[in-house]
Full PDB file with SEQRES, HELIX, SHEET, SSBOND, CRYST1, ORIGX, SCALE, CONECT and MASTER records, all heavy atoms in Angstrom:
SEQRES   1 A   43  PRO SER LEU GLU HIS LEU HIS ASP PRO PHE LEU MET LYS          
SEQRES   2 A   43  GLY MET GLN GLN ALA VAL ASP ARG ILE GLU LYS ALA ILE          
SEQRES   3 A   43  ALA LEU GLY GLU LYS ILE LEU ILE TYR GLY ASP TYR ASP          
SEQRES   4 A   43  VAL ASP GLY THR                                              
HELIX    1 AA1 LEU A    3  HIS A    5  5                                   3    
HELIX    2 AA2 PRO A    9  LEU A   11  5                                   3    
HELIX    3 AA3 MET A   15  LEU A   28  1                                  14    
CRYST1    1.000    1.000    1.000  90.00  90.00  90.00 P 1           1          
ORIGX1      1.000000  0.000000  0.000000        0.00000                         
ORIGX2      0.000000  1.000000  0.000000        0.00000                         
ORIGX3      0.000000  0.000000  1.000000        0.00000                         
SCALE1      1.000000  0.000000  0.000000        0.00000                         
SCALE2      0.000000  1.000000  0.000000        0.00000                         
SCALE3      0.000000  0.000000  1.000000        0.00000                         
ATOM      1  N   PRO A   1       0.826  -1.208   0.000  1.00  0.00           N  
ATOM      2  CA  PRO A   1       0.000   0.000   0.000  1.00  0.00           C  
ATOM      3  C   PRO A   1       0.858   1.256   0.000  1.00  0.00           C  
ATOM      4  O   PRO A   1       1.953   1.277   0.568  1.00  0.00           O  
ATOM      5  CB  PRO A   1      -0.826  -0.121   1.289  1.00  0.00           C  
ATOM      6  CG  PRO A   1      -0.191  -1.182   2.098  1.00  0.00           C  
ATOM      7  CD  PRO A   1       0.631  -2.030   1.197  1.00  0.00           C  
ATOM      8  N   SER A   2       0.365   2.287  -0.640  1.00  0.00           N  
ATOM      9  CA  SER A   2       1.063   3.572  -0.725  1.00  0.00           C  
ATOM     10  C   SER A   2       0.048   4.689  -0.586  1.00  0.00           C  
ATOM     11  O   SER A   2      -1.098   4.565  -1.034  1.00  0.00           O  
ATOM     12  CB  SER A   2       1.795   3.684  -2.076  1.00  0.00           C  
ATOM     13  OG  SER A   2       2.233   5.013  -2.298  1.00  0.00           O  
ATOM     14  N   LEU A   3       0.466   5.779   0.024  1.00  0.00           N  
ATOM     15  CA  LEU A   3      -0.421   6.933   0.133  1.00  0.00           C  
ATOM     16  C   LEU A   3      -0.757   7.501  -1.245  1.00  0.00           C  
ATOM     17  O   LEU A   3      -1.747   8.212  -1.394  1.00  0.00           O  
ATOM     18  CB  LEU A   3       0.213   8.009   1.019  1.00  0.00           C  
ATOM     19  CG  LEU A   3       0.305   7.645   2.510  1.00  0.00           C  
ATOM     20  CD1 LEU A   3       1.084   8.710   3.275  1.00  0.00           C  
ATOM     21  CD2 LEU A   3      -1.081   7.462   3.119  1.00  0.00           C  
ATOM     22  N   GLU A   4       0.045   7.163  -2.230  1.00  0.00           N  
ATOM     23  CA  GLU A   4      -0.265   7.583  -3.593  1.00  0.00           C  
ATOM     24  C   GLU A   4      -1.498   6.860  -4.142  1.00  0.00           C  
ATOM     25  O   GLU A   4      -2.074   7.277  -5.151  1.00  0.00           O  
ATOM     26  CB  GLU A   4       0.935   7.337  -4.507  1.00  0.00           C  
ATOM     27  CG  GLU A   4       2.147   8.208  -4.168  1.00  0.00           C  
ATOM     28  CD  GLU A   4       3.311   7.962  -5.102  1.00  0.00           C  
ATOM     29  OE1 GLU A   4       3.189   7.090  -5.990  1.00  0.00           O  
ATOM     30  OE2 GLU A   4       4.348   8.632  -4.951  1.00  0.00           O  
ATOM     31  N   HIS A   5      -1.907   5.788  -3.478  1.00  0.00           N  
ATOM     32  CA  HIS A   5      -3.102   5.051  -3.896  1.00  0.00           C  
ATOM     33  C   HIS A   5      -4.390   5.722  -3.428  1.00  0.00           C  
ATOM     34  O   HIS A   5      -5.472   5.304  -3.827  1.00  0.00           O  
ATOM     35  CB  HIS A   5      -3.064   3.615  -3.364  1.00  0.00           C  
ATOM     36  CG  HIS A   5      -1.917   2.813  -3.878  1.00  0.00           C  
ATOM     37  ND1 HIS A   5      -1.380   1.733  -3.189  1.00  0.00           N  
ATOM     38  CD2 HIS A   5      -1.183   2.927  -5.020  1.00  0.00           C  
ATOM     39  CE1 HIS A   5      -0.384   1.223  -3.880  1.00  0.00           C  
ATOM     40  NE2 HIS A   5      -0.240   1.926  -4.991  1.00  0.00           N  
ATOM     41  N   LEU A   6      -4.285   6.731  -2.554  1.00  0.00           N  
ATOM     42  CA  LEU A   6      -5.480   7.436  -2.103  1.00  0.00           C  
ATOM     43  C   LEU A   6      -6.093   8.204  -3.272  1.00  0.00           C  
ATOM     44  O   LEU A   6      -5.390   8.781  -4.096  1.00  0.00           O  
ATOM     45  CB  LEU A   6      -5.140   8.402  -0.965  1.00  0.00           C  
ATOM     46  CG  LEU A   6      -4.620   7.778   0.337  1.00  0.00           C  
ATOM     47  CD1 LEU A   6      -4.298   8.878   1.348  1.00  0.00           C  
ATOM     48  CD2 LEU A   6      -5.638   6.799   0.919  1.00  0.00           C  
ATOM     49  N   HIS A   7      -7.402   8.244  -3.310  1.00  0.00           N  
ATOM     50  CA  HIS A   7      -8.101   8.924  -4.395  1.00  0.00           C  
ATOM     51  C   HIS A   7      -8.033  10.444  -4.231  1.00  0.00           C  
ATOM     52  O   HIS A   7      -7.899  10.968  -3.117  1.00  0.00           O  
ATOM     53  CB  HIS A   7      -9.563   8.481  -4.457  1.00  0.00           C  
ATOM     54  CG  HIS A   7      -9.740   7.008  -4.615  1.00  0.00           C  
ATOM     55  ND1 HIS A   7      -9.223   6.314  -5.688  1.00  0.00           N  
ATOM     56  CD2 HIS A   7     -10.383   6.092  -3.837  1.00  0.00           C  
ATOM     57  CE1 HIS A   7      -9.545   5.032  -5.567  1.00  0.00           C  
ATOM     58  NE2 HIS A   7     -10.238   4.876  -4.459  1.00  0.00           N  
ATOM     59  N   ASP A   8      -8.148  11.126  -5.342  1.00  0.00           N  
ATOM     60  CA  ASP A   8      -8.233  12.577  -5.330  1.00  0.00           C  
ATOM     61  C   ASP A   8      -9.495  12.989  -4.561  1.00  0.00           C  
ATOM     62  O   ASP A   8     -10.601  12.604  -4.935  1.00  0.00           O  
ATOM     63  CB  ASP A   8      -8.315  13.083  -6.777  1.00  0.00           C  
ATOM     64  CG  ASP A   8      -8.435  14.596  -6.889  1.00  0.00           C  
ATOM     65  OD1 ASP A   8      -8.564  15.280  -5.855  1.00  0.00           O  
ATOM     66  OD2 ASP A   8      -8.418  15.099  -8.034  1.00  0.00           O  
ATOM     67  N   PRO A   9      -9.362  13.756  -3.467  1.00  0.00           N  
ATOM     68  CA  PRO A   9     -10.550  14.103  -2.675  1.00  0.00           C  
ATOM     69  C   PRO A   9     -11.571  14.922  -3.452  1.00  0.00           C  
ATOM     70  O   PRO A   9     -12.764  14.902  -3.126  1.00  0.00           O  
ATOM     71  CB  PRO A   9      -9.973  14.896  -1.501  1.00  0.00           C  
ATOM     72  CG  PRO A   9      -8.649  15.402  -1.978  1.00  0.00           C  
ATOM     73  CD  PRO A   9      -8.135  14.346  -2.909  1.00  0.00           C  
ATOM     74  N   PHE A  10     -11.136  15.630  -4.484  1.00  0.00           N  
ATOM     75  CA  PHE A  10     -12.053  16.462  -5.247  1.00  0.00           C  
ATOM     76  C   PHE A  10     -12.949  15.654  -6.187  1.00  0.00           C  
ATOM     77  O   PHE A  10     -13.830  16.208  -6.844  1.00  0.00           O  
ATOM     78  CB  PHE A  10     -11.290  17.533  -6.027  1.00  0.00           C  
ATOM     79  CG  PHE A  10     -10.750  18.625  -5.134  1.00  0.00           C  
ATOM     80  CD1 PHE A  10      -9.418  18.642  -4.781  1.00  0.00           C  
ATOM     81  CD2 PHE A  10     -11.581  19.608  -4.629  1.00  0.00           C  
ATOM     82  CE1 PHE A  10      -8.915  19.629  -3.948  1.00  0.00           C  
ATOM     83  CE2 PHE A  10     -11.097  20.599  -3.803  1.00  0.00           C  
ATOM     84  CZ  PHE A  10      -9.753  20.619  -3.454  1.00  0.00           C  
ATOM     85  N   LEU A  11     -12.747  14.319  -6.217  1.00  0.00           N  
ATOM     86  CA  LEU A  11     -13.675  13.457  -6.943  1.00  0.00           C  
ATOM     87  C   LEU A  11     -14.999  13.312  -6.196  1.00  0.00           C  
ATOM     88  O   LEU A  11     -16.000  12.891  -6.776  1.00  0.00           O  
ATOM     89  CB  LEU A  11     -13.063  12.071  -7.154  1.00  0.00           C  
ATOM     90  CG  LEU A  11     -11.833  11.990  -8.069  1.00  0.00           C  
ATOM     91  CD1 LEU A  11     -11.275  10.574  -8.062  1.00  0.00           C  
ATOM     92  CD2 LEU A  11     -12.176  12.427  -9.483  1.00  0.00           C  
ATOM     93  N   MET A  12     -14.997  13.657  -4.906  1.00  0.00           N  
ATOM     94  CA  MET A  12     -16.196  13.512  -4.093  1.00  0.00           C  
ATOM     95  C   MET A  12     -17.154  14.674  -4.329  1.00  0.00           C  
ATOM     96  O   MET A  12     -16.750  15.840  -4.333  1.00  0.00           O  
ATOM     97  CB  MET A  12     -15.828  13.425  -2.610  1.00  0.00           C  
ATOM     98  CG  MET A  12     -16.968  12.992  -1.714  1.00  0.00           C  
ATOM     99  SD  MET A  12     -16.464  12.797   0.009  1.00  0.00           S  
ATOM    100  CE  MET A  12     -15.196  11.530  -0.147  1.00  0.00           C  
ATOM    101  N   LYS A  13     -18.397  14.362  -4.508  1.00  0.00           N  
ATOM    102  CA  LYS A  13     -19.409  15.386  -4.698  1.00  0.00           C  
ATOM    103  C   LYS A  13     -19.423  16.349  -3.512  1.00  0.00           C  
ATOM    104  O   LYS A  13     -19.447  15.931  -2.358  1.00  0.00           O  
ATOM    105  CB  LYS A  13     -20.791  14.751  -4.846  1.00  0.00           C  
ATOM    106  CG  LYS A  13     -21.906  15.765  -5.043  1.00  0.00           C  
ATOM    107  CD  LYS A  13     -23.271  15.110  -5.037  1.00  0.00           C  
ATOM    108  CE  LYS A  13     -24.373  16.149  -5.167  1.00  0.00           C  
ATOM    109  NZ  LYS A  13     -25.715  15.566  -5.098  1.00  0.00           N  
ATOM    110  N   GLY A  14     -19.379  17.648  -3.804  1.00  0.00           N  
ATOM    111  CA  GLY A  14     -19.459  18.665  -2.775  1.00  0.00           C  
ATOM    112  C   GLY A  14     -18.129  19.122  -2.212  1.00  0.00           C  
ATOM    113  O   GLY A  14     -18.082  20.105  -1.469  1.00  0.00           O  
ATOM    114  N   MET A  15     -17.034  18.432  -2.560  1.00  0.00           N  
ATOM    115  CA  MET A  15     -15.734  18.767  -1.954  1.00  0.00           C  
ATOM    116  C   MET A  15     -15.271  20.167  -2.354  1.00  0.00           C  
ATOM    117  O   MET A  15     -14.749  20.919  -1.529  1.00  0.00           O  
ATOM    118  CB  MET A  15     -14.685  17.727  -2.338  1.00  0.00           C  
ATOM    119  CG  MET A  15     -13.366  17.921  -1.616  1.00  0.00           C  
ATOM    120  SD  MET A  15     -13.489  17.703   0.182  1.00  0.00           S  
ATOM    121  CE  MET A  15     -13.572  15.913   0.304  1.00  0.00           C  
ATOM    122  N   GLN A  16     -15.438  20.513  -3.619  1.00  0.00           N  
ATOM    123  CA  GLN A  16     -15.029  21.845  -4.070  1.00  0.00           C  
ATOM    124  C   GLN A  16     -15.756  22.937  -3.276  1.00  0.00           C  
ATOM    125  O   GLN A  16     -15.150  23.891  -2.797  1.00  0.00           O  
ATOM    126  CB  GLN A  16     -15.321  22.007  -5.557  1.00  0.00           C  
ATOM    127  CG  GLN A  16     -14.798  23.298  -6.175  1.00  0.00           C  
ATOM    128  CD  GLN A  16     -13.289  23.286  -6.316  1.00  0.00           C  
ATOM    129  OE1 GLN A  16     -12.727  22.358  -6.880  1.00  0.00           O  
ATOM    130  NE2 GLN A  16     -12.635  24.316  -5.797  1.00  0.00           N  
ATOM    131  N   GLN A  17     -17.070  22.766  -3.115  1.00  0.00           N  
ATOM    132  CA  GLN A  17     -17.868  23.755  -2.385  1.00  0.00           C  
ATOM    133  C   GLN A  17     -17.465  23.808  -0.915  1.00  0.00           C  
ATOM    134  O   GLN A  17     -17.438  24.890  -0.313  1.00  0.00           O  
ATOM    135  CB  GLN A  17     -19.357  23.422  -2.506  1.00  0.00           C  
ATOM    136  CG  GLN A  17     -19.922  23.566  -3.916  1.00  0.00           C  
ATOM    137  CD  GLN A  17     -19.790  22.298  -4.744  1.00  0.00           C  
ATOM    138  OE1 GLN A  17     -18.914  21.476  -4.513  1.00  0.00           O  
ATOM    139  NE2 GLN A  17     -20.677  22.149  -5.719  1.00  0.00           N  
ATOM    140  N   ALA A  18     -17.146  22.650  -0.342  1.00  0.00           N  
ATOM    141  CA  ALA A  18     -16.748  22.613   1.068  1.00  0.00           C  
ATOM    142  C   ALA A  18     -15.453  23.375   1.296  1.00  0.00           C  
ATOM    143  O   ALA A  18     -15.347  24.191   2.223  1.00  0.00           O  
ATOM    144  CB  ALA A  18     -16.601  21.162   1.528  1.00  0.00           C  
ATOM    145  N   VAL A  19     -14.459  23.120   0.451  1.00  0.00           N  
ATOM    146  CA  VAL A  19     -13.169  23.789   0.614  1.00  0.00           C  
ATOM    147  C   VAL A  19     -13.310  25.289   0.346  1.00  0.00           C  
ATOM    148  O   VAL A  19     -12.735  26.122   1.072  1.00  0.00           O  
ATOM    149  CB  VAL A  19     -12.113  23.154  -0.311  1.00  0.00           C  
ATOM    150  CG1 VAL A  19     -10.799  23.947  -0.271  1.00  0.00           C  
ATOM    151  CG2 VAL A  19     -11.854  21.699   0.103  1.00  0.00           C  
ATOM    152  N   ASP A  20     -14.075  25.638  -0.664  1.00  0.00           N  
ATOM    153  CA  ASP A  20     -14.295  27.064  -0.952  1.00  0.00           C  
ATOM    154  C   ASP A  20     -14.931  27.772   0.243  1.00  0.00           C  
ATOM    155  O   ASP A  20     -14.543  28.898   0.590  1.00  0.00           O  
ATOM    156  CB  ASP A  20     -15.198  27.225  -2.179  1.00  0.00           C  
ATOM    157  CG  ASP A  20     -14.495  26.881  -3.478  1.00  0.00           C  
ATOM    158  OD1 ASP A  20     -13.255  26.777  -3.484  1.00  0.00           O  
ATOM    159  OD2 ASP A  20     -15.199  26.717  -4.505  1.00  0.00           O  
ATOM    160  N   ARG A  21     -15.911  27.115   0.889  1.00  0.00           N  
ATOM    161  CA  ARG A  21     -16.589  27.758   2.021  1.00  0.00           C  
ATOM    162  C   ARG A  21     -15.665  27.893   3.225  1.00  0.00           C  
ATOM    163  O   ARG A  21     -15.704  28.910   3.954  1.00  0.00           O  
ATOM    164  CB  ARG A  21     -17.831  26.941   2.411  1.00  0.00           C  
ATOM    165  CG  ARG A  21     -18.659  27.580   3.537  1.00  0.00           C  
ATOM    166  CD  ARG A  21     -19.213  28.924   3.124  1.00  0.00           C  
ATOM    167  NE  ARG A  21     -19.938  29.591   4.206  1.00  0.00           N  
ATOM    168  CZ  ARG A  21     -19.396  30.409   5.108  1.00  0.00           C  
ATOM    169  NH1 ARG A  21     -18.080  30.644   5.073  1.00  0.00           N  
ATOM    170  NH2 ARG A  21     -20.134  30.980   6.038  1.00  0.00           N  
ATOM    171  N   ILE A  22     -14.803  26.911   3.454  1.00  0.00           N  
ATOM    172  CA  ILE A  22     -13.835  27.009   4.556  1.00  0.00           C  
ATOM    173  C   ILE A  22     -12.854  28.143   4.299  1.00  0.00           C  
ATOM    174  O   ILE A  22     -12.541  28.946   5.201  1.00  0.00           O  
ATOM    175  CB  ILE A  22     -13.090  25.666   4.735  1.00  0.00           C  
ATOM    176  CG1 ILE A  22     -14.050  24.595   5.266  1.00  0.00           C  
ATOM    177  CG2 ILE A  22     -11.905  25.829   5.680  1.00  0.00           C  
ATOM    178  CD1 ILE A  22     -13.487  23.202   5.261  1.00  0.00           C  
ATOM    179  N   GLU A  23     -12.383  28.247   3.079  1.00  0.00           N  
ATOM    180  CA  GLU A  23     -11.434  29.314   2.760  1.00  0.00           C  
ATOM    181  C   GLU A  23     -12.093  30.691   2.866  1.00  0.00           C  
ATOM    182  O   GLU A  23     -11.456  31.662   3.306  1.00  0.00           O  
ATOM    183  CB  GLU A  23     -10.848  29.084   1.371  1.00  0.00           C  
ATOM    184  CG  GLU A  23      -9.989  27.830   1.308  1.00  0.00           C  
ATOM    185  CD  GLU A  23      -9.072  27.796   0.099  1.00  0.00           C  
ATOM    186  OE1 GLU A  23      -9.468  28.330  -0.955  1.00  0.00           O  
ATOM    187  OE2 GLU A  23      -7.975  27.237   0.228  1.00  0.00           O  
ATOM    188  N   LYS A  24     -13.352  30.791   2.491  1.00  0.00           N  
ATOM    189  CA  LYS A  24     -14.077  32.050   2.651  1.00  0.00           C  
ATOM    190  C   LYS A  24     -14.194  32.412   4.129  1.00  0.00           C  
ATOM    191  O   LYS A  24     -13.987  33.574   4.519  1.00  0.00           O  
ATOM    192  CB  LYS A  24     -15.462  31.939   2.021  1.00  0.00           C  
ATOM    193  CG  LYS A  24     -16.324  33.186   2.212  1.00  0.00           C  
ATOM    194  CD  LYS A  24     -17.732  32.979   1.658  1.00  0.00           C  
ATOM    195  CE  LYS A  24     -18.624  34.183   1.947  1.00  0.00           C  
ATOM    196  NZ  LYS A  24     -20.020  33.975   1.455  1.00  0.00           N  
ATOM    197  N   ALA A  25     -14.526  31.423   4.954  1.00  0.00           N  
ATOM    198  CA  ALA A  25     -14.657  31.676   6.390  1.00  0.00           C  
ATOM    199  C   ALA A  25     -13.344  32.146   6.997  1.00  0.00           C  
ATOM    200  O   ALA A  25     -13.316  33.077   7.817  1.00  0.00           O  
ATOM    201  CB  ALA A  25     -15.132  30.404   7.096  1.00  0.00           C  
ATOM    202  N   ILE A  26     -12.255  31.525   6.585  1.00  0.00           N  
ATOM    203  CA  ILE A  26     -10.943  31.920   7.102  1.00  0.00           C  
ATOM    204  C   ILE A  26     -10.595  33.330   6.635  1.00  0.00           C  
ATOM    205  O   ILE A  26     -10.109  34.165   7.416  1.00  0.00           O  
ATOM    206  CB  ILE A  26      -9.882  30.907   6.662  1.00  0.00           C  
ATOM    207  CG1 ILE A  26     -10.114  29.554   7.358  1.00  0.00           C  
ATOM    208  CG2 ILE A  26      -8.472  31.423   6.950  1.00  0.00           C  
ATOM    209  CD1 ILE A  26      -9.251  28.430   6.860  1.00  0.00           C  
ATOM    210  N   ALA A  27     -10.859  33.621   5.373  1.00  0.00           N  
ATOM    211  CA  ALA A  27     -10.537  34.952   4.828  1.00  0.00           C  
ATOM    212  C   ALA A  27     -11.323  36.054   5.533  1.00  0.00           C  
ATOM    213  O   ALA A  27     -10.810  37.165   5.745  1.00  0.00           O  
ATOM    214  CB  ALA A  27     -10.818  34.976   3.328  1.00  0.00           C  
ATOM    215  N   LEU A  28     -12.565  35.761   5.931  1.00  0.00           N  
ATOM    216  CA  LEU A  28     -13.420  36.768   6.558  1.00  0.00           C  
ATOM    217  C   LEU A  28     -13.346  36.747   8.081  1.00  0.00           C  
ATOM    218  O   LEU A  28     -14.010  37.550   8.739  1.00  0.00           O  
ATOM    219  CB  LEU A  28     -14.875  36.558   6.113  1.00  0.00           C  
ATOM    220  CG  LEU A  28     -15.163  36.741   4.620  1.00  0.00           C  
ATOM    221  CD1 LEU A  28     -16.627  36.440   4.321  1.00  0.00           C  
ATOM    222  CD2 LEU A  28     -14.789  38.155   4.173  1.00  0.00           C  
ATOM    223  N   GLY A  29     -12.553  35.828   8.631  1.00  0.00           N  
ATOM    224  CA  GLY A  29     -12.426  35.754  10.081  1.00  0.00           C  
ATOM    225  C   GLY A  29     -13.654  35.209  10.782  1.00  0.00           C  
ATOM    226  O   GLY A  29     -13.907  35.527  11.949  1.00  0.00           O  
ATOM    227  N   GLU A  30     -14.446  34.377  10.097  1.00  0.00           N  
ATOM    228  CA  GLU A  30     -15.641  33.803  10.702  1.00  0.00           C  
ATOM    229  C   GLU A  30     -15.279  32.757  11.760  1.00  0.00           C  
ATOM    230  O   GLU A  30     -14.199  32.163  11.737  1.00  0.00           O  
ATOM    231  CB  GLU A  30     -16.507  33.142   9.631  1.00  0.00           C  
ATOM    232  CG  GLU A  30     -17.048  34.075   8.563  1.00  0.00           C  
ATOM    233  CD  GLU A  30     -17.897  33.334   7.541  1.00  0.00           C  
ATOM    234  OE1 GLU A  30     -18.871  32.680   7.948  1.00  0.00           O  
ATOM    235  OE2 GLU A  30     -17.554  33.391   6.345  1.00  0.00           O  
ATOM    236  N   LYS A  31     -16.214  32.536  12.671  1.00  0.00           N  
ATOM    237  CA  LYS A  31     -16.035  31.497  13.680  1.00  0.00           C  
ATOM    238  C   LYS A  31     -16.519  30.153  13.111  1.00  0.00           C  
ATOM    239  O   LYS A  31     -17.630  30.052  12.602  1.00  0.00           O  
ATOM    240  CB  LYS A  31     -16.812  31.839  14.952  1.00  0.00           C  
ATOM    241  CG  LYS A  31     -16.286  33.062  15.683  1.00  0.00           C  
ATOM    242  CD  LYS A  31     -17.071  33.332  16.953  1.00  0.00           C  
ATOM    243  CE  LYS A  31     -16.771  32.286  18.012  1.00  0.00           C  
ATOM    244  NZ  LYS A  31     -17.431  32.618  19.311  1.00  0.00           N  
ATOM    245  N   ILE A  32     -15.643  29.149  13.188  1.00  0.00           N  
ATOM    246  CA  ILE A  32     -15.928  27.819  12.645  1.00  0.00           C  
ATOM    247  C   ILE A  32     -16.112  26.841  13.798  1.00  0.00           C  
ATOM    248  O   ILE A  32     -15.265  26.763  14.700  1.00  0.00           O  
ATOM    249  CB  ILE A  32     -14.800  27.335  11.720  1.00  0.00           C  
ATOM    250  CG1 ILE A  32     -14.569  28.325  10.569  1.00  0.00           C  
ATOM    251  CG2 ILE A  32     -15.112  25.949  11.171  1.00  0.00           C  
ATOM    252  CD1 ILE A  32     -13.378  27.978   9.693  1.00  0.00           C  
ATOM    253  N   LEU A  33     -17.206  26.081  13.761  1.00  0.00           N  
ATOM    254  CA  LEU A  33     -17.478  25.088  14.793  1.00  0.00           C  
ATOM    255  C   LEU A  33     -17.362  23.687  14.200  1.00  0.00           C  
ATOM    256  O   LEU A  33     -18.005  23.378  13.199  1.00  0.00           O  
ATOM    257  CB  LEU A  33     -18.880  25.286  15.371  1.00  0.00           C  
ATOM    258  CG  LEU A  33     -19.265  24.379  16.551  1.00  0.00           C  
ATOM    259  CD1 LEU A  33     -18.394  24.661  17.758  1.00  0.00           C  
ATOM    260  CD2 LEU A  33     -20.743  24.543  16.898  1.00  0.00           C  
ATOM    261  N   ILE A  34     -16.546  22.854  14.814  1.00  0.00           N  
ATOM    262  CA  ILE A  34     -16.401  21.456  14.401  1.00  0.00           C  
ATOM    263  C   ILE A  34     -17.342  20.636  15.278  1.00  0.00           C  
ATOM    264  O   ILE A  34     -17.173  20.573  16.491  1.00  0.00           O  
ATOM    265  CB  ILE A  34     -14.956  20.959  14.555  1.00  0.00           C  
ATOM    266  CG1 ILE A  34     -13.950  22.000  14.048  1.00  0.00           C  
ATOM    267  CG2 ILE A  34     -14.776  19.632  13.831  1.00  0.00           C  
ATOM    268  CD1 ILE A  34     -14.130  22.405  12.621  1.00  0.00           C  
ATOM    269  N   TYR A  35     -18.331  20.005  14.674  1.00  0.00           N  
ATOM    270  CA  TYR A  35     -19.425  19.360  15.399  1.00  0.00           C  
ATOM    271  C   TYR A  35     -19.403  17.867  15.074  1.00  0.00           C  
ATOM    272  O   TYR A  35     -19.446  17.488  13.900  1.00  0.00           O  
ATOM    273  CB  TYR A  35     -20.750  19.980  14.935  1.00  0.00           C  
ATOM    274  CG  TYR A  35     -21.982  19.657  15.737  1.00  0.00           C  
ATOM    275  CD1 TYR A  35     -22.725  20.665  16.337  1.00  0.00           C  
ATOM    276  CD2 TYR A  35     -22.446  18.348  15.874  1.00  0.00           C  
ATOM    277  CE1 TYR A  35     -23.879  20.387  17.060  1.00  0.00           C  
ATOM    278  CE2 TYR A  35     -23.591  18.061  16.591  1.00  0.00           C  
ATOM    279  CZ  TYR A  35     -24.300  19.088  17.185  1.00  0.00           C  
ATOM    280  OH  TYR A  35     -25.439  18.804  17.901  1.00  0.00           O  
ATOM    281  N   GLY A  36     -19.327  17.020  16.105  1.00  0.00           N  
ATOM    282  CA  GLY A  36     -19.240  15.591  15.816  1.00  0.00           C  
ATOM    283  C   GLY A  36     -19.937  14.716  16.830  1.00  0.00           C  
ATOM    284  O   GLY A  36     -20.307  15.158  17.924  1.00  0.00           O  
ATOM    285  N   ASP A  37     -20.089  13.464  16.475  1.00  0.00           N  
ATOM    286  CA  ASP A  37     -20.764  12.481  17.310  1.00  0.00           C  
ATOM    287  C   ASP A  37     -19.903  12.140  18.521  1.00  0.00           C  
ATOM    288  O   ASP A  37     -18.697  12.385  18.549  1.00  0.00           O  
ATOM    289  CB  ASP A  37     -21.055  11.233  16.466  1.00  0.00           C  
ATOM    290  CG  ASP A  37     -21.920  10.232  17.187  1.00  0.00           C  
ATOM    291  OD1 ASP A  37     -22.694  10.643  18.071  1.00  0.00           O  
ATOM    292  OD2 ASP A  37     -21.829   9.024  16.877  1.00  0.00           O  
ATOM    293  N   TYR A  38     -20.535  11.508  19.530  1.00  0.00           N  
ATOM    294  CA  TYR A  38     -19.846  11.210  20.788  1.00  0.00           C  
ATOM    295  C   TYR A  38     -19.176   9.835  20.802  1.00  0.00           C  
ATOM    296  O   TYR A  38     -18.639   9.432  21.827  1.00  0.00           O  
ATOM    297  CB  TYR A  38     -20.815  11.329  21.969  1.00  0.00           C  
ATOM    298  CG  TYR A  38     -22.189  10.745  21.728  1.00  0.00           C  
ATOM    299  CD1 TYR A  38     -22.385   9.374  21.605  1.00  0.00           C  
ATOM    300  CD2 TYR A  38     -23.295  11.579  21.626  1.00  0.00           C  
ATOM    301  CE1 TYR A  38     -23.630   8.845  21.375  1.00  0.00           C  
ATOM    302  CE2 TYR A  38     -24.572  11.051  21.395  1.00  0.00           C  
ATOM    303  CZ  TYR A  38     -24.734   9.695  21.275  1.00  0.00           C  
ATOM    304  OH  TYR A  38     -25.982   9.165  21.046  1.00  0.00           O  
ATOM    305  N   ASP A  39     -19.228   9.084  19.699  1.00  0.00           N  
ATOM    306  CA  ASP A  39     -18.549   7.791  19.694  1.00  0.00           C  
ATOM    307  C   ASP A  39     -17.118   7.958  19.196  1.00  0.00           C  
ATOM    308  O   ASP A  39     -16.643   9.067  18.952  1.00  0.00           O  
ATOM    309  CB  ASP A  39     -19.333   6.767  18.869  1.00  0.00           C  
ATOM    310  CG  ASP A  39     -19.321   7.075  17.370  1.00  0.00           C  
ATOM    311  OD1 ASP A  39     -18.710   8.088  16.969  1.00  0.00           O  
ATOM    312  OD2 ASP A  39     -19.933   6.303  16.598  1.00  0.00           O  
ATOM    313  N   VAL A  40     -16.404   6.843  19.048  1.00  0.00           N  
ATOM    314  CA  VAL A  40     -14.997   6.914  18.659  1.00  0.00           C  
ATOM    315  C   VAL A  40     -14.827   7.567  17.289  1.00  0.00           C  
ATOM    316  O   VAL A  40     -13.960   8.427  17.098  1.00  0.00           O  
ATOM    317  CB  VAL A  40     -14.348   5.510  18.656  1.00  0.00           C  
ATOM    318  CG1 VAL A  40     -12.881   5.605  18.230  1.00  0.00           C  
ATOM    319  CG2 VAL A  40     -14.448   4.872  20.020  1.00  0.00           C  
ATOM    320  N   ASP A  41     -15.659   7.173  16.336  1.00  0.00           N  
ATOM    321  CA  ASP A  41     -15.541   7.727  14.987  1.00  0.00           C  
ATOM    322  C   ASP A  41     -15.766   9.239  15.007  1.00  0.00           C  
ATOM    323  O   ASP A  41     -15.035  10.001  14.372  1.00  0.00           O  
ATOM    324  CB  ASP A  41     -16.549   7.045  14.062  1.00  0.00           C  
ATOM    325  CG  ASP A  41     -16.257   7.283  12.591  1.00  0.00           C  
ATOM    326  OD1 ASP A  41     -15.141   7.729  12.260  1.00  0.00           O  
ATOM    327  OD2 ASP A  41     -17.145   7.018  11.763  1.00  0.00           O  
ATOM    328  N   GLY A  42     -16.773   9.675  15.746  1.00  0.00           N  
ATOM    329  CA  GLY A  42     -17.061  11.103  15.809  1.00  0.00           C  
ATOM    330  C   GLY A  42     -15.999  11.900  16.534  1.00  0.00           C  
ATOM    331  O   GLY A  42     -15.583  12.981  16.077  1.00  0.00           O  
ATOM    332  N   THR A  43     -15.534  11.399  17.673  1.00  0.00           N  
ATOM    333  CA  THR A  43     -14.545  12.153  18.453  1.00  0.00           C  
ATOM    334  C   THR A  43     -13.186  12.189  17.752  1.00  0.00           C  
ATOM    335  O   THR A  43     -12.486  13.202  17.814  1.00  0.00           O  
ATOM    336  CB  THR A  43     -14.405  11.580  19.870  1.00  0.00           C  
ATOM    337  OG1 THR A  43     -14.170  10.167  19.812  1.00  0.00           O  
ATOM    338  CG2 THR A  43     -15.655  11.841  20.688  1.00  0.00           C  
TER     339      THR A  43                                                      
MASTER        0    0    0    3    0    0    0    6  338    1    0    4          
END                                                                             
């Protein structure tokens, strides 16, 4: 196995919009909340 075998993340539907929105939030100094489930996968 090689990390080069990982797929391009931008193949996923919505990834472009997600990254664009994060970069907009950072550029404007917005407050970002990371919200997740209470199990191992979420934490």
